[in-house]
Amino acid sequence: MNRQIAFLEIHQFKREWAILPEIDDLSPGDHVVVRDLEGEELGRIRHIDTGDDVKNIVLRKATADDIKLHEQLKQEAKEGFAIFCQMLDEFKLKIKPIDAHFRFDRSKICFYIYSEIHQDFRIFHRTIASALHRRVAIKNVGVREYTKFLGGLGPCGNELCCRIFLCEMRPVHLRMARQQNLFVEPNKISGYCGKLCCCLRFEEELYTEALTAFPRIGSTVETKQGKAKVLGIDIFNRKVLVRIKSEEELYLALDDIGEWQ
């Protein structure tokens, strides 16, 4: 059964869905206390939807004391991050420290890093945990998340979409470019992070739905001139590029195309 759920931003590298309690005064932008599989966190509602199979639960709207404690934990996280960076220099590990987050229930401090190569830092992990007298988690973020943290301009000249409005970093596939007739080299449609541009999936649903009305490229269709092979399609003008028996290539309106196979 679908229930009202909220997408929460707990930290810039930690976003989760949670079931909303049956109260009417919660809206995007509100801070809430949420219980996840490890304990309690404080997050901000980004947007509200309906869904199921969500394990986290919003316990209540954050109070003034909750916000005060959250700000205090942010300061403690900064202090822990300074120690973390200092010890990284001592261990000479080739990783880039990014940020630290103290769980709202004080159960653990998490350090976020970026490393292009796999490294064994188990000894460092134990050492930093002993120095802080805390449970410690060290998480290596992906290149897309790291790029979002750094910020910058995309190929379009605008600020990165992930930086200004994207909530989730969803996968982007090359087929999304192909179905939009963007038959170019991957590096020409890649973003600052080196991965395919997130904007390629913005119109994916529109193209997927529109393509259901068109014959597949390579299929054979019936036309007034006889059977023809489909070479291409023009979704916006609702036309199909075909080659007829005489080897002539021409665009035909979709409505002039008969059955296809």
C-alpha atoms as a PDB file:
ATOM      1  CA  MET A   1       0.000   0.000   0.000  1.00  0.00           C
ATOM      2  CA  ASN A   2       1.360   3.403  -0.987  1.00  0.00           C
ATOM      3  CA  ARG A   3       1.990   5.835   1.843  1.00  0.00           C
ATOM      4  CA  GLN A   4       3.140   9.424   1.953  1.00  0.00           C
ATOM      5  CA  ILE A   5       6.923   9.511   1.909  1.00  0.00           C
ATOM      6  CA  ALA A   6       9.509  12.267   1.914  1.00  0.00           C
ATOM      7  CA  PHE A   7      12.916  12.554   0.272  1.00  0.00           C
ATOM      8  CA  LEU A   8      15.266  13.857   2.957  1.00  0.00           C
ATOM      9  CA  GLU A   9      18.651  15.521   2.708  1.00  0.00           C
ATOM     10  CA  ILE A  10      20.518  14.529   5.844  1.00  0.00           C
ATOM     11  CA  HIS A  11      23.916  15.523   4.528  1.00  0.00           C
ATOM     12  CA  GLN A  12      25.158  16.538   1.100  1.00  0.00           C
ATOM     13  CA  PHE A  13      26.316  12.921   0.625  1.00  0.00           C
ATOM     14  CA  LYS A  14      23.438  11.271   2.457  1.00  0.00           C
ATOM     15  CA  ARG A  15      19.868  11.402   1.143  1.00  0.00           C
ATOM     16  CA  GLU A  16      17.126   8.965   2.057  1.00  0.00           C
ATOM     17  CA  TRP A  17      13.423   8.281   1.682  1.00  0.00           C
ATOM     18  CA  ALA A  18      11.327   8.052   4.840  1.00  0.00           C
ATOM     19  CA  ILE A  19       7.693   7.412   5.694  1.00  0.00           C
ATOM     20  CA  LEU A  20       5.895  10.525   6.910  1.00  0.00           C
ATOM     21  CA  PRO A  21       3.731  10.444  10.038  1.00  0.00           C
ATOM     22  CA  GLU A  22       0.047  11.200   9.610  1.00  0.00           C
ATOM     23  CA  ILE A  23       0.267  14.909  10.380  1.00  0.00           C
ATOM     24  CA  ASP A  24      -0.547  17.783   8.074  1.00  0.00           C
ATOM     25  CA  ASP A  25       2.019  20.425   9.006  1.00  0.00           C
ATOM     26  CA  LEU A  26       5.051  18.957   7.199  1.00  0.00           C
ATOM     27  CA  SER A  27       6.169  20.425   3.888  1.00  0.00           C
ATOM     28  CA  PRO A  28       9.344  20.716   1.766  1.00  0.00           C
ATOM     29  CA  GLY A  29      11.996  22.730   3.572  1.00  0.00           C
ATOM     30  CA  ASP A  30      11.008  21.521   7.056  1.00  0.00           C
ATOM     31  CA  HIS A  31      13.598  19.884   9.293  1.00  0.00           C
ATOM     32  CA  VAL A  32      12.567  16.538  10.782  1.00  0.00           C
ATOM     33  CA  VAL A  33      13.999  13.829  13.010  1.00  0.00           C
ATOM     34  CA  VAL A  34      14.104  10.481  11.216  1.00  0.00           C
ATOM     35  CA  ARG A  35      14.829   6.965  12.422  1.00  0.00           C
ATOM     36  CA  ASP A  36      16.860   4.802  10.061  1.00  0.00           C
ATOM     37  CA  LEU A  37      18.423   1.357  10.431  1.00  0.00           C
ATOM     38  CA  GLU A  38      21.232   2.708  12.634  1.00  0.00           C
ATOM     39  CA  GLY A  39      19.414   5.186  14.867  1.00  0.00           C
ATOM     40  CA  GLU A  40      18.259   8.787  14.572  1.00  0.00           C
ATOM     41  CA  GLU A  41      19.225  11.534  12.146  1.00  0.00           C
ATOM     42  CA  LEU A  42      18.075  15.057  11.425  1.00  0.00           C
ATOM     43  CA  GLY A  43      17.233  15.912   7.837  1.00  0.00           C
ATOM     44  CA  ARG A  44      15.464  18.459   5.662  1.00  0.00           C
ATOM     45  CA  ILE A  45      12.530  17.513   3.441  1.00  0.00           C
ATOM     46  CA  ARG A  46      13.346  18.083  -0.233  1.00  0.00           C
ATOM     47  CA  HIS A  47      10.073  16.838  -1.684  1.00  0.00           C
ATOM     48  CA  ILE A  48       7.068  14.681  -0.776  1.00  0.00           C
ATOM     49  CA  ASP A  49       5.650  11.780  -2.783  1.00  0.00           C
ATOM     50  CA  THR A  50       3.853   8.473  -2.297  1.00  0.00           C
ATOM     51  CA  GLY A  51       5.412   5.025  -2.319  1.00  0.00           C
ATOM     52  CA  ASP A  52       6.139   1.835  -0.454  1.00  0.00           C
ATOM     53  CA  ASP A  53       9.085  -0.373   0.542  1.00  0.00           C
ATOM     54  CA  VAL A  54      10.583   2.444   2.641  1.00  0.00           C
ATOM     55  CA  LYS A  55      12.179   1.418   5.927  1.00  0.00           C
ATOM     56  CA  ASN A  56      13.052   4.815   7.412  1.00  0.00           C
ATOM     57  CA  ILE A  57      10.409   6.663   9.441  1.00  0.00           C
ATOM     58  CA  VAL A  58      10.047  10.379  10.210  1.00  0.00           C
ATOM     59  CA  LEU A  59       9.492  10.605  13.957  1.00  0.00           C
ATOM     60  CA  ARG A  60       8.594  14.275  14.328  1.00  0.00           C
ATOM     61  CA  LYS A  61       9.163  17.771  13.130  1.00  0.00           C
ATOM     62  CA  ALA A  62      12.437  19.142  14.490  1.00  0.00           C
ATOM     63  CA  THR A  63      12.202  21.438  17.494  1.00  0.00           C
ATOM     64  CA  ALA A  64      14.346  24.463  18.292  1.00  0.00           C
ATOM     65  CA  ASP A  65      16.426  22.259  20.632  1.00  0.00           C
ATOM     66  CA  ASP A  66      16.914  19.721  17.835  1.00  0.00           C
ATOM     67  CA  ILE A  67      18.204  22.435  15.503  1.00  0.00           C
ATOM     68  CA  LYS A  68      20.517  23.749  18.209  1.00  0.00           C
ATOM     69  CA  LEU A  69      21.936  20.269  18.816  1.00  0.00           C
ATOM     70  CA  HIS A  70      22.371  19.779  15.073  1.00  0.00           C
ATOM     71  CA  GLU A  71      24.411  22.990  14.797  1.00  0.00           C
ATOM     72  CA  GLN A  72      26.530  21.868  17.750  1.00  0.00           C
ATOM     73  CA  LEU A  73      27.204  18.509  16.080  1.00  0.00           C
ATOM     74  CA  LYS A  74      28.203  20.280  12.868  1.00  0.00           C
ATOM     75  CA  GLN A  75      30.817  22.208  14.827  1.00  0.00           C
ATOM     76  CA  GLU A  76      32.080  19.003  16.466  1.00  0.00           C
ATOM     77  CA  ALA A  77      32.247  17.386  13.031  1.00  0.00           C
ATOM     78  CA  LYS A  78      34.454  20.259  11.802  1.00  0.00           C
ATOM     79  CA  GLU A  79      36.794  19.734  14.733  1.00  0.00           C
ATOM     80  CA  GLY A  80      36.941  15.998  14.042  1.00  0.00           C
ATOM     81  CA  PHE A  81      37.540  16.688  10.343  1.00  0.00           C
ATOM     82  CA  ALA A  82      40.556  18.846  11.185  1.00  0.00           C
ATOM     83  CA  ILE A  83      42.066  15.965  13.171  1.00  0.00           C
ATOM     84  CA  PHE A  84      41.210  13.574  10.346  1.00  0.00           C
ATOM     85  CA  CYS A  85      43.061  15.731   7.782  1.00  0.00           C
ATOM     86  CA  GLN A  86      46.075  16.092  10.060  1.00  0.00           C
ATOM     87  CA  MET A  87      46.340  12.329  10.532  1.00  0.00           C
ATOM     88  CA  LEU A  88      45.935  11.763   6.785  1.00  0.00           C
ATOM     89  CA  ASP A  89      49.093  13.788   6.239  1.00  0.00           C
ATOM     90  CA  GLU A  90      50.915  11.675   8.804  1.00  0.00           C
ATOM     91  CA  PHE A  91      49.850   8.423   7.130  1.00  0.00           C
ATOM     92  CA  LYS A  92      50.589   9.847   3.645  1.00  0.00           C
ATOM     93  CA  LEU A  93      47.473   8.280   2.143  1.00  0.00           C
ATOM     94  CA  LYS A  94      46.567   9.369  -1.387  1.00  0.00           C
ATOM     95  CA  ILE A  95      42.976  10.308  -0.690  1.00  0.00           C
ATOM     96  CA  LYS A  96      41.170  13.630  -0.766  1.00  0.00           C
ATOM     97  CA  PRO A  97      39.258  14.451   2.427  1.00  0.00           C
ATOM     98  CA  ILE A  98      35.938  16.139   1.669  1.00  0.00           C
ATOM     99  CA  ASP A  99      33.712  16.507   4.699  1.00  0.00           C
ATOM    100  CA  ALA A 100      32.534  14.989   7.986  1.00  0.00           C
ATOM    101  CA  HIS A 101      29.090  14.280   9.402  1.00  0.00           C
ATOM    102  CA  PHE A 102      28.160  13.530  13.008  1.00  0.00           C
ATOM    103  CA  ARG A 103      25.045  11.407  13.381  1.00  0.00           C
ATOM    104  CA  PHE A 104      22.254  13.143  15.266  1.00  0.00           C
ATOM    105  CA  ASP A 105      22.218  10.404  17.912  1.00  0.00           C
ATOM    106  CA  ARG A 106      25.997  10.847  18.404  1.00  0.00           C
ATOM    107  CA  SER A 107      26.546   7.155  17.664  1.00  0.00           C
ATOM    108  CA  LYS A 108      29.089   7.684  14.894  1.00  0.00           C
ATOM    109  CA  ILE A 109      31.040  10.230  12.899  1.00  0.00           C
ATOM    110  CA  CYS A 110      31.366   9.643   9.159  1.00  0.00           C
ATOM    111  CA  PHE A 111      34.203  11.025   7.033  1.00  0.00           C
ATOM    112  CA  TYR A 112      33.713  11.394   3.299  1.00  0.00           C
ATOM    113  CA  ILE A 113      36.701  11.031   1.009  1.00  0.00           C
ATOM    114  CA  TYR A 114      37.474  10.694  -2.695  1.00  0.00           C
ATOM    115  CA  SER A 115      40.067   8.260  -3.966  1.00  0.00           C
ATOM    116  CA  GLU A 116      40.589   7.148  -7.546  1.00  0.00           C
ATOM    117  CA  ILE A 117      42.408   3.974  -6.490  1.00  0.00           C
ATOM    118  CA  HIS A 118      41.589   1.300  -3.924  1.00  0.00           C
ATOM    119  CA  GLN A 119      43.652   1.672  -0.765  1.00  0.00           C
ATOM    120  CA  ASP A 120      43.855  -0.275   2.464  1.00  0.00           C
ATOM    121  CA  PHE A 121      43.354   2.216   5.288  1.00  0.00           C
ATOM    122  CA  ARG A 122      42.238  -0.179   8.032  1.00  0.00           C
ATOM    123  CA  ILE A 123      45.114   0.820  10.302  1.00  0.00           C
ATOM    124  CA  PHE A 124      44.332   4.493   9.719  1.00  0.00           C
ATOM    125  CA  HIS A 125      40.662   3.779  10.449  1.00  0.00           C
ATOM    126  CA  ARG A 126      41.469   2.247  13.832  1.00  0.00           C
ATOM    127  CA  THR A 127      43.877   5.065  14.646  1.00  0.00           C
ATOM    128  CA  ILE A 128      41.413   7.886  13.930  1.00  0.00           C
ATOM    129  CA  ALA A 129      38.663   6.075  15.866  1.00  0.00           C
ATOM    130  CA  SER A 130      40.999   5.748  18.849  1.00  0.00           C
ATOM    131  CA  ALA A 131      42.031   9.402  18.616  1.00  0.00           C
ATOM    132  CA  LEU A 132      38.399  10.625  18.559  1.00  0.00           C
ATOM    133  CA  HIS A 133      37.064   8.000  20.981  1.00  0.00           C
ATOM    134  CA  ARG A 134      34.179   7.472  18.576  1.00  0.00           C
ATOM    135  CA  ARG A 135      32.840   4.942  16.148  1.00  0.00           C
ATOM    136  CA  VAL A 136      34.103   6.056  12.753  1.00  0.00           C
ATOM    137  CA  ALA A 137      32.965   5.354   9.205  1.00  0.00           C
ATOM    138  CA  ILE A 138      35.041   6.330   6.165  1.00  0.00           C
ATOM    139  CA  LYS A 139      33.110   6.453   2.883  1.00  0.00           C
ATOM    140  CA  ASN A 140      34.580   6.961  -0.560  1.00  0.00           C
ATOM    141  CA  VAL A 141      32.144   8.980  -2.703  1.00  0.00           C
ATOM    142  CA  GLY A 142      31.783   8.478  -6.450  1.00  0.00           C
ATOM    143  CA  VAL A 143      33.172  10.868  -9.034  1.00  0.00           C
ATOM    144  CA  ARG A 144      29.697  12.348  -9.726  1.00  0.00           C
ATOM    145  CA  GLU A 145      29.132  13.133  -6.049  1.00  0.00           C
ATOM    146  CA  TYR A 146      32.630  14.584  -5.765  1.00  0.00           C
ATOM    147  CA  THR A 147      32.026  16.801  -8.788  1.00  0.00           C
ATOM    148  CA  LYS A 148      28.752  17.984  -7.259  1.00  0.00           C
ATOM    149  CA  PHE A 149      30.684  18.945  -4.135  1.00  0.00           C
ATOM    150  CA  LEU A 150      33.268  20.912  -6.144  1.00  0.00           C
ATOM    151  CA  GLY A 151      30.739  22.613  -8.443  1.00  0.00           C
ATOM    152  CA  GLY A 152      31.504  24.102 -11.838  1.00  0.00           C
ATOM    153  CA  LEU A 153      30.041  24.703 -15.289  1.00  0.00           C
ATOM    154  CA  GLY A 154      28.668  22.090 -17.640  1.00  0.00           C
ATOM    155  CA  PRO A 155      29.203  21.919 -21.441  1.00  0.00           C
ATOM    156  CA  CYS A 156      26.106  24.131 -21.811  1.00  0.00           C
ATOM    157  CA  GLY A 157      27.811  26.930 -19.887  1.00  0.00           C
ATOM    158  CA  ASN A 158      25.379  26.786 -16.957  1.00  0.00           C
ATOM    159  CA  GLU A 159      26.114  25.740 -13.394  1.00  0.00           C
ATOM    160  CA  LEU A 160      26.038  21.976 -12.905  1.00  0.00           C
ATOM    161  CA  CYS A 161      22.498  20.574 -12.624  1.00  0.00           C
ATOM    162  CA  CYS A 162      23.594  18.302  -9.772  1.00  0.00           C
ATOM    163  CA  ARG A 163      24.802  21.348  -7.889  1.00  0.00           C
ATOM    164  CA  ILE A 164      21.700  23.516  -8.164  1.00  0.00           C
ATOM    165  CA  PHE A 165      18.612  21.323  -8.275  1.00  0.00           C
ATOM    166  CA  LEU A 166      19.035  17.566  -8.772  1.00  0.00           C
ATOM    167  CA  CYS A 167      17.998  15.578  -5.712  1.00  0.00           C
ATOM    168  CA  GLU A 168      19.060  12.098  -6.816  1.00  0.00           C
ATOM    169  CA  MET A 169      22.089  11.100  -8.866  1.00  0.00           C
ATOM    170  CA  ARG A 170      20.323   8.572 -11.075  1.00  0.00           C
ATOM    171  CA  PRO A 171      22.181   6.458 -13.680  1.00  0.00           C
ATOM    172  CA  VAL A 172      22.574   7.836 -17.206  1.00  0.00           C
ATOM    173  CA  HIS A 173      23.007   5.418 -20.125  1.00  0.00           C
ATOM    174  CA  LEU A 174      24.306   5.889 -23.656  1.00  0.00           C
ATOM    175  CA  ARG A 175      21.016   4.573 -25.086  1.00  0.00           C
ATOM    176  CA  MET A 176      19.356   7.745 -23.773  1.00  0.00           C
ATOM    177  CA  ALA A 177      21.535   9.760 -26.147  1.00  0.00           C
ATOM    178  CA  ARG A 178      20.956   7.357 -29.019  1.00  0.00           C
ATOM    179  CA  GLN A 179      17.190   7.523 -28.793  1.00  0.00           C
ATOM    180  CA  GLN A 180      17.478  11.322 -28.980  1.00  0.00           C
ATOM    181  CA  ASN A 181      19.542  10.968 -32.179  1.00  0.00           C
ATOM    182  CA  LEU A 182      22.669  12.229 -30.446  1.00  0.00           C
ATOM    183  CA  PHE A 183      25.072   9.961 -32.300  1.00  0.00           C
ATOM    184  CA  VAL A 184      28.264  11.621 -31.112  1.00  0.00           C
ATOM    185  CA  GLU A 185      31.356  10.586 -29.205  1.00  0.00           C
ATOM    186  CA  PRO A 186      30.705   9.997 -25.480  1.00  0.00           C
ATOM    187  CA  ASN A 187      33.211  12.698 -24.490  1.00  0.00           C
ATOM    188  CA  LYS A 188      31.137  15.254 -26.428  1.00  0.00           C
ATOM    189  CA  ILE A 189      28.075  14.539 -24.251  1.00  0.00           C
ATOM    190  CA  SER A 190      29.919  14.067 -20.976  1.00  0.00           C
ATOM    191  CA  GLY A 191      29.872  16.441 -18.052  1.00  0.00           C
ATOM    192  CA  TYR A 192      32.531  17.944 -15.827  1.00  0.00           C
ATOM    193  CA  CYS A 193      32.684  14.641 -13.911  1.00  0.00           C
ATOM    194  CA  GLY A 194      33.580  12.698 -17.053  1.00  0.00           C
ATOM    195  CA  LYS A 195      30.302  10.754 -16.978  1.00  0.00           C
ATOM    196  CA  LEU A 196      27.391  11.203 -19.395  1.00  0.00           C
ATOM    197  CA  CYS A 197      25.479  14.453 -18.805  1.00  0.00           C
ATOM    198  CA  CYS A 198      22.595  14.151 -16.351  1.00  0.00           C
ATOM    199  CA  CYS A 199      20.397  16.225 -18.691  1.00  0.00           C
ATOM    200  CA  LEU A 200      20.284  13.307 -21.137  1.00  0.00           C
ATOM    201  CA  ARG A 201      17.634  11.694 -18.961  1.00  0.00           C
ATOM    202  CA  PHE A 202      15.472  14.824 -18.522  1.00  0.00           C
ATOM    203  CA  GLU A 203      13.442  14.069 -21.660  1.00  0.00           C
ATOM    204  CA  GLU A 204      13.842  10.296 -21.610  1.00  0.00           C
ATOM    205  CA  GLU A 205      10.184   9.634 -20.761  1.00  0.00           C
ATOM    206  CA  LEU A 206       9.013  11.989 -23.517  1.00  0.00           C
ATOM    207  CA  TYR A 207      11.148  10.222 -26.129  1.00  0.00           C
ATOM    208  CA  THR A 208      10.260   6.749 -24.876  1.00  0.00           C
ATOM    209  CA  GLU A 209       6.544   7.497 -25.111  1.00  0.00           C
ATOM    210  CA  ALA A 210       6.815   9.243 -28.486  1.00  0.00           C
ATOM    211  CA  LEU A 211       8.833   6.411 -30.043  1.00  0.00           C
ATOM    212  CA  THR A 212       6.019   3.928 -29.432  1.00  0.00           C
ATOM    213  CA  ALA A 213       4.100   5.586 -32.310  1.00  0.00           C
ATOM    214  CA  PHE A 214       6.981   5.174 -34.788  1.00  0.00           C
ATOM    215  CA  PRO A 215       8.317   2.128 -36.627  1.00  0.00           C
ATOM    216  CA  ARG A 216      11.756   0.908 -35.594  1.00  0.00           C
ATOM    217  CA  ILE A 217      14.762   1.987 -37.633  1.00  0.00           C
ATOM    218  CA  GLY A 218      15.597  -0.856 -39.995  1.00  0.00           C
ATOM    219  CA  SER A 219      12.024  -2.166 -40.148  1.00  0.00           C
ATOM    220  CA  THR A 220       9.966  -2.492 -43.342  1.00  0.00           C
ATOM    221  CA  VAL A 221       6.844  -0.353 -43.752  1.00  0.00           C
ATOM    222  CA  GLU A 222       4.018  -0.022 -46.256  1.00  0.00           C
ATOM    223  CA  THR A 223       3.772   3.287 -48.169  1.00  0.00           C
ATOM    224  CA  LYS A 224       1.855   4.559 -51.176  1.00  0.00           C
ATOM    225  CA  GLN A 225       5.004   3.970 -53.226  1.00  0.00           C
ATOM    226  CA  GLY A 226       5.271   0.401 -51.982  1.00  0.00           C
ATOM    227  CA  LYS A 227       7.385  -1.246 -49.312  1.00  0.00           C
ATOM    228  CA  ALA A 228      10.173   0.838 -47.840  1.00  0.00           C
ATOM    229  CA  LYS A 229      12.910   0.518 -45.267  1.00  0.00           C
ATOM    230  CA  VAL A 230      12.997   2.906 -42.323  1.00  0.00           C
ATOM    231  CA  LEU A 231      16.295   4.827 -42.126  1.00  0.00           C
ATOM    232  CA  GLY A 232      15.424   7.412 -39.496  1.00  0.00           C
ATOM    233  CA  ILE A 233      12.673   9.211 -37.635  1.00  0.00           C
ATOM    234  CA  ASP A 234      11.868  12.835 -36.818  1.00  0.00           C
ATOM    235  CA  ILE A 235       9.807  12.848 -33.626  1.00  0.00           C
ATOM    236  CA  PHE A 236       9.102  16.565 -33.507  1.00  0.00           C
ATOM    237  CA  ASN A 237       7.897  16.853 -37.110  1.00  0.00           C
ATOM    238  CA  ARG A 238       6.271  13.385 -37.008  1.00  0.00           C
ATOM    239  CA  LYS A 239       8.118  12.221 -40.127  1.00  0.00           C
ATOM    240  CA  VAL A 240       9.889   9.029 -41.133  1.00  0.00           C
ATOM    241  CA  LEU A 241      12.929   8.809 -43.424  1.00  0.00           C
ATOM    242  CA  VAL A 242      12.537   5.792 -45.719  1.00  0.00           C
ATOM    243  CA  ARG A 243      14.209   4.203 -48.716  1.00  0.00           C
ATOM    244  CA  ILE A 244      11.872   2.755 -51.338  1.00  0.00           C
ATOM    245  CA  LYS A 245      12.674   0.121 -53.966  1.00  0.00           C
ATOM    246  CA  SER A 246      14.070   2.671 -56.394  1.00  0.00           C
ATOM    247  CA  GLU A 247      16.737   3.481 -53.772  1.00  0.00           C
ATOM    248  CA  GLU A 248      15.183   6.933 -53.408  1.00  0.00           C
ATOM    249  CA  GLU A 249      15.293   8.357 -49.884  1.00  0.00           C
ATOM    250  CA  LEU A 250      12.537  10.667 -48.714  1.00  0.00           C
ATOM    251  CA  TYR A 251      10.709  11.834 -45.621  1.00  0.00           C
ATOM    252  CA  LEU A 252       7.099  10.752 -45.255  1.00  0.00           C
ATOM    253  CA  ALA A 253       4.558  11.942 -42.707  1.00  0.00           C
ATOM    254  CA  LEU A 254       3.930   9.375 -40.003  1.00  0.00           C
ATOM    255  CA  ASP A 255       0.237   9.329 -40.961  1.00  0.00           C
ATOM    256  CA  ASP A 256       1.212   8.201 -44.490  1.00  0.00           C
ATOM    257  CA  ILE A 257       3.018   5.156 -43.147  1.00  0.00           C
ATOM    258  CA  GLY A 258       1.008   1.949 -43.190  1.00  0.00           C
ATOM    259  CA  GLU A 259       1.679  -1.265 -41.308  1.00  0.00           C
ATOM    260  CA  TRP A 260       5.229  -2.141 -40.402  1.00  0.00           C
ATOM    261  CA  GLN A 261       7.110  -5.247 -39.406  1.00  0.00           C
END
